[in-house]
Protein backbone atom coordinates (compact mmCIF):
# COMPACT_ATOMS: atom_id res chain seq x y z
CA MET A 1 0.08 -0.01 -0.10
CA ASN A 2 1.09 3.27 -0.83
CA ASN A 3 -0.39 6.63 -0.23
CA GLY A 4 -3.27 5.05 0.22
CA LYS A 5 -3.36 2.56 -3.01
CA ILE A 6 -2.55 -0.81 -3.26
CA ASP A 7 0.45 -1.99 -5.49
CA TYR A 8 -0.59 -4.88 -6.97
CA ASN A 9 2.70 -5.05 -9.15
CA ARG A 10 5.02 -5.16 -6.73
CA THR A 11 7.85 -7.88 -6.23
CA ILE A 12 7.69 -10.68 -4.04
CA MET A 13 11.00 -11.70 -2.77
CA PRO A 14 11.45 -14.39 -0.80
CA GLY A 15 12.88 -14.77 2.66
CA ARG A 16 11.81 -10.78 2.89
CA ILE A 17 8.42 -9.55 4.89
CA ASN A 18 8.05 -5.89 3.76
CA GLY A 19 11.75 -5.55 3.01
CA ILE A 20 12.60 -6.87 6.38
CA SER A 21 15.13 -10.02 6.19
CA VAL A 22 13.76 -13.22 7.48
CA PRO A 23 16.09 -16.30 8.39
CA ARG A 24 15.15 -19.42 6.26
CA GLN A 25 14.71 -22.63 7.68
CA PRO A 26 17.38 -25.24 6.90
CA LYS A 27 16.19 -28.27 4.66
CA ASN A 28 15.36 -31.20 6.13
CA GLN A 29 18.62 -33.18 5.53
CA SER A 30 18.37 -36.83 5.29
CA ILE A 31 20.57 -38.98 7.92
CA THR A 32 23.31 -40.75 6.57
CA SER A 33 25.84 -43.70 8.18
CA LYS A 34 28.23 -40.79 8.78
CA ASP A 35 26.32 -38.84 11.15
CA ILE A 36 27.05 -39.36 14.92
CA ASP A 37 24.19 -41.13 16.80
CA PHE A 38 22.25 -38.63 19.54
CA LYS A 39 22.15 -41.57 21.68
CA ASN A 40 25.72 -41.90 21.55
CA ILE A 41 26.61 -38.58 22.29
CA PHE A 42 24.06 -38.03 25.19
CA GLN A 43 25.78 -41.28 26.60
CA ASP A 44 29.26 -40.27 26.35
CA ALA A 45 28.66 -36.78 28.41
CA LEU A 46 26.50 -39.06 30.96
CA ASN A 47 29.43 -41.13 31.53
CA GLN A 48 32.10 -38.28 31.34
CA GLY A 49 30.90 -36.76 34.22
CA LYS A 50 30.94 -39.99 36.26
CA THR A 51 34.89 -40.52 36.23
CA VAL A 52 37.32 -38.95 37.44
CA LYS A 53 39.71 -36.81 35.88
CA PHE A 54 43.39 -35.80 36.48
CA SER A 55 44.87 -32.55 36.69
CA LYS A 56 47.98 -31.70 35.02
CA HIS A 57 49.89 -31.40 38.66
CA ALA A 58 48.76 -34.77 39.22
CA GLN A 59 49.52 -36.56 35.92
CA GLN A 60 53.23 -34.98 36.81
CA ARG A 61 52.91 -36.10 39.99
CA MET A 62 52.15 -39.67 38.84
CA ASN A 63 55.12 -40.05 36.11
CA GLN A 64 57.41 -38.94 38.55
CA ARG A 65 56.79 -41.17 41.31
CA SER A 66 56.02 -44.16 38.94
CA ILE A 67 52.36 -44.56 40.01
CA SER A 68 49.92 -46.46 37.64
CA LEU A 69 46.42 -47.25 38.20
CA SER A 70 44.44 -50.10 37.23
CA HIS A 71 40.60 -50.03 35.94
CA THR A 72 39.44 -51.23 39.24
CA GLN A 73 41.47 -48.63 41.01
CA ILE A 74 39.64 -45.84 39.49
CA ASP A 75 36.50 -47.58 39.61
CA GLY A 76 37.52 -47.63 43.48
CA ILE A 77 38.38 -43.83 43.11
CA ASN A 78 35.09 -42.81 41.41
CA SER A 79 33.11 -44.98 44.28
CA ALA A 80 34.56 -42.88 46.93
CA VAL A 81 33.98 -39.57 44.90
CA GLU A 82 30.35 -40.21 45.16
CA LYS A 83 30.45 -41.15 48.62
CA ALA A 84 32.38 -38.21 49.39
CA GLN A 85 30.07 -36.45 47.38
CA ALA A 86 26.98 -37.81 49.00
CA LYS A 87 28.50 -36.16 52.28
CA GLY A 88 28.96 -32.80 51.17
CA VAL A 89 32.71 -33.05 50.90
CA ARG A 90 34.17 -30.56 48.53
CA ASP A 91 38.39 -31.53 48.97
CA SER A 92 38.88 -35.25 50.04
CA LEU A 93 41.66 -37.47 50.73
CA ILE A 94 41.18 -40.91 49.29
CA VAL A 95 43.59 -43.59 50.55
CA MET A 96 43.90 -46.54 48.81
CA GLY A 97 46.62 -48.71 50.40
CA ASP A 98 49.78 -47.09 49.73
CA LEU A 99 48.54 -44.50 47.88
CA ALA A 100 46.75 -41.53 48.95
CA LEU A 101 45.23 -38.86 46.26
CA ILE A 102 43.93 -35.27 46.88
CA VAL A 103 40.69 -34.87 44.63
CA ASN A 104 38.16 -31.90 44.26
CA VAL A 105 34.58 -33.63 44.40
CA PRO A 106 32.72 -30.68 42.50
CA THR A 107 34.82 -31.24 39.51
CA LYS A 108 35.81 -35.10 40.22
CA THR A 109 39.63 -34.02 39.81
CA VAL A 110 42.75 -35.57 41.04
CA VAL A 111 44.63 -32.52 42.46
CA THR A 112 47.91 -34.45 43.31
CA ALA A 113 48.97 -38.14 44.35
CA VAL A 114 51.31 -39.52 47.01
CA ASP A 115 52.90 -42.80 46.81
CA GLY A 116 54.01 -44.87 49.84
CA GLU A 117 57.13 -43.75 49.88
CA ASN A 118 56.05 -39.86 50.65
CA LEU A 119 53.16 -40.75 52.25
CA LYS A 120 55.00 -41.14 55.79
CA GLU A 121 54.95 -38.17 57.74
CA ASN A 122 53.56 -36.06 54.87
CA ILE A 123 50.62 -33.33 56.20
CA PHE A 124 47.51 -32.88 54.02
CA THR A 125 45.69 -29.44 54.37
CA ASN A 126 43.12 -27.90 52.73
CA ILE A 127 40.73 -31.02 52.67
CA ASP A 128 37.36 -31.16 54.19
CA GLY A 129 37.44 -35.21 54.44
CA ALA A 130 38.75 -38.33 53.73
CA VAL A 131 37.92 -41.96 52.40
CA ILE A 132 39.84 -44.91 53.11
CA LEU A 133 39.58 -47.53 50.90
């Protein structure tokens, strides 16, 4: 409409309403075998939050002290972190035999690791809970 008159010859441009650009809807794309399944991505994300991570410092200490962990030990650490989290612990000392780990519970991150040789006469500070396995 222009000055009270209707303009019948006005060109209609796709993707525009009254001269304003409108985002186009993406065309439906078929799923190929190369596409990653949402279920797998979702499950990986859920699992990622359940396992402990190791900070760079913890990895260095473990390398220096020749500390290696089995899958069973990592499962034990995960279980200890869940127990500490249930009690509201933020920074926990986890003792497994002759190995001690300091873990930040909310982020599930192992901050440092101490083996039996260095465990004696060591003082652990800035923890608010301990789990003995």
